[in-house]
Amino acid sequence: MALSRTAWICPDCEDRGWIGTRMCSCLKELCAQEQIKSLSSLLDLGEQSFENFSLDWYSTAYDEELGLSPRENMVMVEKICRNYAEKFGKFLIHNLFLTGDPGLGKTFLSACIARVVSDKGFSVVYDTAVTIFTNFEDAKFGRGDNADEAVRRYLSCDLLILDDLGSELSTPFVQSALYTLINTRLTADKRTVISSNLTMEEAARRYSPQIASRLEGEYRVLPFYGEDIRLLRKQTL
């Protein structure tokens, strides 16, 4: 006996998850929820959102070398990150390179981007440079049960957030894996956000000329300036 239409949780797709070859909105929502759970285990998405981002931790003192204050700089950085996320896939800037010392908000804003883009139904993968290159190595040498799947997701997801580039050992294998990762995603027109304590100039010296060319030519650099927010918060306790 066939179920009546009123018995379906989603009458649009009759609980199949697909309408023809198109994924139904109900399945998209379920996938988004599962993705948020996965991201939250790494990024603490409970508090990290653009609405909770505070400029109060950044000094208003004018810096002659920068030509503006750290807070004025972060107003620009936050605006670009928010537009990047809210207009994902349609924003003029395709890839971001967040650079600055530890504790200045790079991971926080990366998490904000991940939340918004994921909520829009896009596939988002976040991982650290050390873990990413370990998975590349494990996949190449047949180690680990999930390494192949992890590498596939790094290469094919709509948005990859690669955190802490430069923390990994710089070996010939890492150089090759990083080139493959960056070049494959650029060729497939996939978006990437990289955060690093390295400046773009330092990254260019650390990695191969081919990698440096793609980073310098295809990524918008967003510099983070100021004092370590973690230490500032500790001082207020």
C-alpha atoms as a PDB file:
ATOM      1  CA  MET A   1       0.000   0.000   0.000  1.00  0.00           C
ATOM      2  CA  ALA A   2       1.485   3.317  -1.070  1.00  0.00           C
ATOM      3  CA  LEU A   3       2.035   6.028   1.510  1.00  0.00           C
ATOM      4  CA  SER A   4      -0.235   9.024   1.247  1.00  0.00           C
ATOM      5  CA  ARG A   5       1.313  12.361   0.343  1.00  0.00           C
ATOM      6  CA  THR A   6       0.724  13.629   3.875  1.00  0.00           C
ATOM      7  CA  ALA A   7       2.896  10.796   5.281  1.00  0.00           C
ATOM      8  CA  TRP A   8       6.011  12.053   3.515  1.00  0.00           C
ATOM      9  CA  ILE A   9       8.407  14.146   5.558  1.00  0.00           C
ATOM     10  CA  CYS A  10       9.265  16.035   2.364  1.00  0.00           C
ATOM     11  CA  PRO A  11       6.438  16.007  -0.180  1.00  0.00           C
ATOM     12  CA  ASP A  12       8.651  17.713  -2.795  1.00  0.00           C
ATOM     13  CA  CYS A  13      10.885  14.671  -3.294  1.00  0.00           C
ATOM     14  CA  GLU A  14       8.700  12.077  -1.546  1.00  0.00           C
ATOM     15  CA  ASP A  15      11.604  11.459   0.880  1.00  0.00           C
ATOM     16  CA  ARG A  16      13.926  10.317  -1.909  1.00  0.00           C
ATOM     17  CA  GLY A  17      16.324  13.223  -1.405  1.00  0.00           C
ATOM     18  CA  TRP A  18      16.430  13.874  -5.126  1.00  0.00           C
ATOM     19  CA  ILE A  19      14.068  15.409  -7.652  1.00  0.00           C
ATOM     20  CA  GLY A  20      15.232  13.858 -10.881  1.00  0.00           C
ATOM     21  CA  THR A  21      18.951  14.609 -10.996  1.00  0.00           C
ATOM     22  CA  ARG A  22      18.666  17.604  -8.636  1.00  0.00           C
ATOM     23  CA  MET A  23      19.303  17.267  -4.921  1.00  0.00           C
ATOM     24  CA  CYS A  24      16.228  18.253  -2.943  1.00  0.00           C
ATOM     25  CA  SER A  25      16.410  21.083  -0.400  1.00  0.00           C
ATOM     26  CA  CYS A  26      15.644  18.613   2.414  1.00  0.00           C
ATOM     27  CA  LEU A  27      18.770  16.560   1.646  1.00  0.00           C
ATOM     28  CA  LYS A  28      20.843  19.726   1.226  1.00  0.00           C
ATOM     29  CA  GLU A  29      19.745  20.826   4.690  1.00  0.00           C
ATOM     30  CA  LEU A  30      20.624  17.439   6.180  1.00  0.00           C
ATOM     31  CA  CYS A  31      24.049  17.483   4.515  1.00  0.00           C
ATOM     32  CA  ALA A  32      24.633  21.023   5.794  1.00  0.00           C
ATOM     33  CA  GLN A  33      23.778  19.969   9.350  1.00  0.00           C
ATOM     34  CA  GLU A  34      26.172  17.027   9.219  1.00  0.00           C
ATOM     35  CA  GLN A  35      28.885  19.226   7.748  1.00  0.00           C
ATOM     36  CA  ILE A  36      28.456  21.795  10.530  1.00  0.00           C
ATOM     37  CA  LYS A  37      28.843  18.989  13.099  1.00  0.00           C
ATOM     38  CA  SER A  38      32.079  17.914  11.442  1.00  0.00           C
ATOM     39  CA  LEU A  39      33.431  21.450  11.226  1.00  0.00           C
ATOM     40  CA  SER A  40      32.395  22.206  14.808  1.00  0.00           C
ATOM     41  CA  SER A  41      34.604  19.391  16.088  1.00  0.00           C
ATOM     42  CA  LEU A  42      37.589  21.300  14.705  1.00  0.00           C
ATOM     43  CA  LEU A  43      36.531  24.945  14.742  1.00  0.00           C
ATOM     44  CA  ASP A  44      34.202  25.417  17.739  1.00  0.00           C
ATOM     45  CA  LEU A  45      31.495  26.929  15.543  1.00  0.00           C
ATOM     46  CA  GLY A  46      29.321  27.549  18.588  1.00  0.00           C
ATOM     47  CA  GLU A  47      30.762  31.041  19.105  1.00  0.00           C
ATOM     48  CA  GLN A  48      32.636  31.788  15.907  1.00  0.00           C
ATOM     49  CA  SER A  49      30.429  33.881  13.647  1.00  0.00           C
ATOM     50  CA  PHE A  50      30.683  37.278  11.981  1.00  0.00           C
ATOM     51  CA  GLU A  51      28.125  38.608  14.464  1.00  0.00           C
ATOM     52  CA  ASN A  52      30.475  37.727  17.345  1.00  0.00           C
ATOM     53  CA  PHE A  53      33.596  39.151  15.723  1.00  0.00           C
ATOM     54  CA  SER A  54      34.786  42.135  17.772  1.00  0.00           C
ATOM     55  CA  LEU A  55      37.042  44.947  16.634  1.00  0.00           C
ATOM     56  CA  ASP A  56      37.586  46.013  20.253  1.00  0.00           C
ATOM     57  CA  TRP A  57      40.724  43.873  20.517  1.00  0.00           C
ATOM     58  CA  TYR A  58      42.483  45.860  17.780  1.00  0.00           C
ATOM     59  CA  SER A  59      44.247  49.121  18.574  1.00  0.00           C
ATOM     60  CA  THR A  60      43.047  52.436  17.153  1.00  0.00           C
ATOM     61  CA  ALA A  61      46.596  53.853  17.381  1.00  0.00           C
ATOM     62  CA  TYR A  62      47.904  54.993  13.997  1.00  0.00           C
ATOM     63  CA  ASP A  63      50.860  52.966  12.751  1.00  0.00           C
ATOM     64  CA  GLU A  64      53.160  55.020  10.524  1.00  0.00           C
ATOM     65  CA  GLU A  65      54.674  51.922   8.922  1.00  0.00           C
ATOM     66  CA  LEU A  66      51.246  50.511   8.047  1.00  0.00           C
ATOM     67  CA  GLY A  67      49.698  53.847   7.163  1.00  0.00           C
ATOM     68  CA  LEU A  68      46.617  53.047   9.272  1.00  0.00           C
ATOM     69  CA  SER A  69      45.647  51.566  12.632  1.00  0.00           C
ATOM     70  CA  PRO A  70      45.264  47.817  13.258  1.00  0.00           C
ATOM     71  CA  ARG A  71      41.539  48.383  13.793  1.00  0.00           C
ATOM     72  CA  GLU A  72      41.127  50.217  10.483  1.00  0.00           C
ATOM     73  CA  ASN A  73      42.936  47.342   8.779  1.00  0.00           C
ATOM     74  CA  MET A  74      40.648  44.778  10.399  1.00  0.00           C
ATOM     75  CA  VAL A  75      37.546  46.673   9.310  1.00  0.00           C
ATOM     76  CA  MET A  76      38.710  46.089   5.732  1.00  0.00           C
ATOM     77  CA  VAL A  77      39.708  42.458   6.376  1.00  0.00           C
ATOM     78  CA  GLU A  78      36.405  41.565   8.055  1.00  0.00           C
ATOM     79  CA  LYS A  79      34.403  43.213   5.269  1.00  0.00           C
ATOM     80  CA  ILE A  80      36.207  41.220   2.568  1.00  0.00           C
ATOM     81  CA  CYS A  81      35.834  37.952   4.520  1.00  0.00           C
ATOM     82  CA  ARG A  82      32.118  38.569   5.076  1.00  0.00           C
ATOM     83  CA  ASN A  83      31.497  39.419   1.409  1.00  0.00           C
ATOM     84  CA  TYR A  84      33.567  36.413   0.346  1.00  0.00           C
ATOM     85  CA  ALA A  85      31.348  34.127   2.424  1.00  0.00           C
ATOM     86  CA  GLU A  86      27.981  35.730   1.728  1.00  0.00           C
ATOM     87  CA  LYS A  87      28.621  35.955  -2.031  1.00  0.00           C
ATOM     88  CA  PHE A  88      30.505  32.684  -2.259  1.00  0.00           C
ATOM     89  CA  GLY A  89      30.996  31.502  -5.816  1.00  0.00           C
ATOM     90  CA  LYS A  90      30.005  34.901  -7.201  1.00  0.00           C
ATOM     91  CA  PHE A  91      32.470  37.158  -5.407  1.00  0.00           C
ATOM     92  CA  LEU A  92      35.206  38.702  -7.541  1.00  0.00           C
ATOM     93  CA  ILE A  93      37.910  37.329  -5.222  1.00  0.00           C
ATOM     94  CA  HIS A  94      38.228  33.540  -5.480  1.00  0.00           C
ATOM     95  CA  ASN A  95      40.986  32.713  -2.980  1.00  0.00           C
ATOM     96  CA  LEU A  96      42.249  34.294   0.243  1.00  0.00           C
ATOM     97  CA  PHE A  97      45.636  34.223   1.956  1.00  0.00           C
ATOM     98  CA  LEU A  98      45.280  35.294   5.605  1.00  0.00           C
ATOM     99  CA  THR A  99      48.667  36.226   7.025  1.00  0.00           C
ATOM    100  CA  GLY A 100      49.834  37.446  10.409  1.00  0.00           C
ATOM    101  CA  ASP A 101      51.224  36.490  13.797  1.00  0.00           C
ATOM    102  CA  PRO A 102      49.408  33.947  15.998  1.00  0.00           C
ATOM    103  CA  GLY A 103      46.405  35.131  17.992  1.00  0.00           C
ATOM    104  CA  LEU A 104      45.175  37.839  15.635  1.00  0.00           C
ATOM    105  CA  GLY A 105      41.930  36.237  14.473  1.00  0.00           C
ATOM    106  CA  LYS A 106      42.856  34.298  11.338  1.00  0.00           C
ATOM    107  CA  THR A 107      41.299  31.034  12.494  1.00  0.00           C
ATOM    108  CA  PHE A 108      38.259  32.864  13.902  1.00  0.00           C
ATOM    109  CA  LEU A 109      37.451  34.538  10.587  1.00  0.00           C
ATOM    110  CA  SER A 110      38.175  31.297   8.725  1.00  0.00           C
ATOM    111  CA  ALA A 111      35.541  29.648  10.916  1.00  0.00           C
ATOM    112  CA  CYS A 112      33.104  32.478  10.202  1.00  0.00           C
ATOM    113  CA  ILE A 113      33.573  31.918   6.472  1.00  0.00           C
ATOM    114  CA  ALA A 114      33.144  28.157   6.896  1.00  0.00           C
ATOM    115  CA  ARG A 115      29.850  28.587   8.774  1.00  0.00           C
ATOM    116  CA  VAL A 116      28.261  30.910   6.203  1.00  0.00           C
ATOM    117  CA  VAL A 117      29.436  28.974   3.140  1.00  0.00           C
ATOM    118  CA  SER A 118      28.330  25.669   4.660  1.00  0.00           C
ATOM    119  CA  ASP A 119      24.920  27.107   5.514  1.00  0.00           C
ATOM    120  CA  LYS A 120      24.528  27.970   1.831  1.00  0.00           C
ATOM    121  CA  GLY A 121      24.798  24.280   0.954  1.00  0.00           C
ATOM    122  CA  PHE A 122      28.371  24.239  -0.354  1.00  0.00           C
ATOM    123  CA  SER A 123      30.830  21.535   0.676  1.00  0.00           C
ATOM    124  CA  VAL A 124      33.463  22.901   3.064  1.00  0.00           C
ATOM    125  CA  VAL A 125      36.566  21.126   4.348  1.00  0.00           C
ATOM    126  CA  TYR A 126      38.799  22.560   7.069  1.00  0.00           C
ATOM    127  CA  ASP A 127      42.107  21.046   8.125  1.00  0.00           C
ATOM    128  CA  THR A 128      45.577  22.023   9.247  1.00  0.00           C
ATOM    129  CA  ALA A 129      48.544  21.916   6.914  1.00  0.00           C
ATOM    130  CA  VAL A 130      50.210  19.186   8.997  1.00  0.00           C
ATOM    131  CA  THR A 131      47.144  16.919   8.802  1.00  0.00           C
ATOM    132  CA  ILE A 132      46.567  17.595   5.102  1.00  0.00           C
ATOM    133  CA  PHE A 133      50.106  16.678   4.077  1.00  0.00           C
ATOM    134  CA  THR A 134      50.106  13.663   6.391  1.00  0.00           C
ATOM    135  CA  ASN A 135      46.990  12.401   4.605  1.00  0.00           C
ATOM    136  CA  PHE A 136      48.612  13.018   1.211  1.00  0.00           C
ATOM    137  CA  GLU A 137      51.625  10.958   2.309  1.00  0.00           C
ATOM    138  CA  ASP A 138      49.474   8.175   3.790  1.00  0.00           C
ATOM    139  CA  ALA A 139      47.397   8.005   0.605  1.00  0.00           C
ATOM    140  CA  LYS A 140      50.498   7.779  -1.576  1.00  0.00           C
ATOM    141  CA  PHE A 141      52.061   4.981   0.444  1.00  0.00           C
ATOM    142  CA  GLY A 142      48.842   3.103   1.245  1.00  0.00           C
ATOM    143  CA  ARG A 143      48.766   3.913   4.938  1.00  0.00           C
ATOM    144  CA  GLY A 144      45.566   4.667   6.830  1.00  0.00           C
ATOM    145  CA  ASP A 145      42.012   3.657   6.027  1.00  0.00           C
ATOM    146  CA  ASN A 146      40.646   7.135   5.318  1.00  0.00           C
ATOM    147  CA  ALA A 147      43.589   8.929   3.713  1.00  0.00           C
ATOM    148  CA  ASP A 148      42.425   8.420   0.124  1.00  0.00           C
ATOM    149  CA  GLU A 149      38.976   9.781   0.933  1.00  0.00           C
ATOM    150  CA  ALA A 150      40.475  12.744   2.806  1.00  0.00           C
ATOM    151  CA  VAL A 151      42.670  13.678  -0.172  1.00  0.00           C
ATOM    152  CA  ARG A 152      39.699  13.375  -2.520  1.00  0.00           C
ATOM    153  CA  ARG A 153      37.746  15.799  -0.352  1.00  0.00           C
ATOM    154  CA  TYR A 154      40.679  18.248  -0.190  1.00  0.00           C
ATOM    155  CA  LEU A 155      40.858  18.311  -3.993  1.00  0.00           C
ATOM    156  CA  SER A 156      37.144  18.394  -4.817  1.00  0.00           C
ATOM    157  CA  CYS A 157      35.259  20.316  -2.093  1.00  0.00           C
ATOM    158  CA  ASP A 158      33.747  23.678  -2.968  1.00  0.00           C
ATOM    159  CA  LEU A 159      35.790  25.446  -0.286  1.00  0.00           C
ATOM    160  CA  LEU A 160      38.996  24.222   1.333  1.00  0.00           C
ATOM    161  CA  ILE A 161      40.287  26.054   4.401  1.00  0.00           C
ATOM    162  CA  LEU A 162      43.967  25.206   4.872  1.00  0.00           C
ATOM    163  CA  ASP A 163      45.040  26.396   8.305  1.00  0.00           C
ATOM    164  CA  ASP A 164      48.551  27.169   9.528  1.00  0.00           C
ATOM    165  CA  LEU A 165      50.493  26.771   6.291  1.00  0.00           C
ATOM    166  CA  GLY A 166      54.189  26.803   7.132  1.00  0.00           C
ATOM    167  CA  SER A 167      53.868  24.753  10.327  1.00  0.00           C
ATOM    168  CA  GLU A 168      54.668  21.567   8.379  1.00  0.00           C
ATOM    169  CA  LEU A 169      58.138  20.279   7.578  1.00  0.00           C
ATOM    170  CA  SER A 170      59.213  21.555   4.169  1.00  0.00           C
ATOM    171  CA  THR A 171      60.224  18.374   2.336  1.00  0.00           C
ATOM    172  CA  PRO A 172      60.248  17.574  -1.384  1.00  0.00           C
ATOM    173  CA  PHE A 173      57.098  15.499  -0.853  1.00  0.00           C
ATOM    174  CA  VAL A 174      55.288  18.383   0.875  1.00  0.00           C
ATOM    175  CA  GLN A 175      56.333  20.728  -1.925  1.00  0.00           C
ATOM    176  CA  SER A 176      54.873  18.308  -4.477  1.00  0.00           C
ATOM    177  CA  ALA A 177      51.668  17.744  -2.489  1.00  0.00           C
ATOM    178  CA  LEU A 178      51.103  21.470  -1.972  1.00  0.00           C
ATOM    179  CA  TYR A 179      51.589  22.161  -5.680  1.00  0.00           C
ATOM    180  CA  THR A 180      49.130  19.380  -6.555  1.00  0.00           C
ATOM    181  CA  LEU A 181      46.598  20.711  -4.077  1.00  0.00           C
ATOM    182  CA  ILE A 182      46.797  24.339  -5.171  1.00  0.00           C
ATOM    183  CA  ASN A 183      47.061  23.684  -8.906  1.00  0.00           C
ATOM    184  CA  THR A 184      44.287  21.076  -9.001  1.00  0.00           C
ATOM    185  CA  ARG A 185      41.881  23.355  -7.173  1.00  0.00           C
ATOM    186  CA  LEU A 186      42.734  26.347  -9.356  1.00  0.00           C
ATOM    187  CA  THR A 187      42.256  24.306 -12.524  1.00  0.00           C
ATOM    188  CA  ALA A 188      38.869  23.070 -11.276  1.00  0.00           C
ATOM    189  CA  ASP A 189      37.886  26.627 -10.227  1.00  0.00           C
ATOM    190  CA  LYS A 190      37.518  25.571  -6.587  1.00  0.00           C
ATOM    191  CA  ARG A 191      37.877  28.196  -3.858  1.00  0.00           C
ATOM    192  CA  THR A 192      40.554  28.049  -1.149  1.00  0.00           C
ATOM    193  CA  VAL A 193      41.309  30.029   2.003  1.00  0.00           C
ATOM    194  CA  ILE A 194      44.837  29.673   3.396  1.00  0.00           C
ATOM    195  CA  SER A 195      45.925  31.028   6.767  1.00  0.00           C
ATOM    196  CA  SER A 196      49.584  31.279   7.709  1.00  0.00           C
ATOM    197  CA  ASN A 197      52.032  32.952  10.052  1.00  0.00           C
ATOM    198  CA  LEU A 198      54.182  33.431   6.946  1.00  0.00           C
ATOM    199  CA  THR A 199      54.000  36.566   4.865  1.00  0.00           C
ATOM    200  CA  MET A 200      53.491  36.046   1.152  1.00  0.00           C
ATOM    201  CA  GLU A 201      57.162  36.948   0.647  1.00  0.00           C
ATOM    202  CA  GLU A 202      58.249  34.322   3.190  1.00  0.00           C
ATOM    203  CA  ALA A 203      55.963  31.734   1.585  1.00  0.00           C
ATOM    204  CA  ALA A 204      57.508  32.504  -1.803  1.00  0.00           C
ATOM    205  CA  ARG A 205      60.981  31.809  -0.390  1.00  0.00           C
ATOM    206  CA  ARG A 206      59.880  28.659   1.440  1.00  0.00           C
ATOM    207  CA  TYR A 207      58.076  26.951  -1.424  1.00  0.00           C
ATOM    208  CA  SER A 208      58.884  26.290  -5.071  1.00  0.00           C
ATOM    209  CA  PRO A 209      58.693  29.020  -7.758  1.00  0.00           C
ATOM    210  CA  GLN A 210      55.647  27.255  -9.240  1.00  0.00           C
ATOM    211  CA  ILE A 211      53.802  27.388  -5.918  1.00  0.00           C
ATOM    212  CA  ALA A 212      54.881  30.972  -5.273  1.00  0.00           C
ATOM    213  CA  SER A 213      53.611  32.026  -8.694  1.00  0.00           C
ATOM    214  CA  ARG A 214      50.165  30.589  -8.054  1.00  0.00           C
ATOM    215  CA  LEU A 215      49.912  32.006  -4.546  1.00  0.00           C
ATOM    216  CA  GLU A 216      50.995  35.474  -5.619  1.00  0.00           C
ATOM    217  CA  GLY A 217      48.884  35.501  -8.769  1.00  0.00           C
ATOM    218  CA  GLU A 218      45.659  33.838  -7.607  1.00  0.00           C
ATOM    219  CA  TYR A 219      45.239  34.742  -3.920  1.00  0.00           C
ATOM    220  CA  ARG A 220      44.169  37.998  -2.291  1.00  0.00           C
ATOM    221  CA  VAL A 221      46.445  38.692   0.669  1.00  0.00           C
ATOM    222  CA  LEU A 222      44.708  39.875   3.856  1.00  0.00           C
ATOM    223  CA  PRO A 223      47.263  40.966   6.483  1.00  0.00           C
ATOM    224  CA  PHE A 224      46.416  40.763  10.206  1.00  0.00           C
ATOM    225  CA  TYR A 225      48.094  43.246  12.568  1.00  0.00           C
ATOM    226  CA  GLY A 226      47.873  43.906  16.289  1.00  0.00           C
ATOM    227  CA  GLU A 227      48.488  42.267  19.648  1.00  0.00           C
ATOM    228  CA  ASP A 228      47.813  38.630  20.518  1.00  0.00           C
ATOM    229  CA  ILE A 229      44.106  38.552  21.400  1.00  0.00           C
ATOM    230  CA  ARG A 230      44.530  35.440  23.559  1.00  0.00           C
ATOM    231  CA  LEU A 231      47.029  37.292  25.771  1.00  0.00           C
ATOM    232  CA  LEU A 232      44.827  40.395  25.897  1.00  0.00           C
ATOM    233  CA  ARG A 233      41.868  38.300  27.012  1.00  0.00           C
ATOM    234  CA  LYS A 234      43.989  36.600  29.670  1.00  0.00           C
ATOM    235  CA  GLN A 235      44.982  39.993  31.062  1.00  0.00           C
ATOM    236  CA  THR A 236      41.329  40.943  31.524  1.00  0.00           C
ATOM    237  CA  LEU A 237      40.539  37.862  33.648  1.00  0.00           C
END
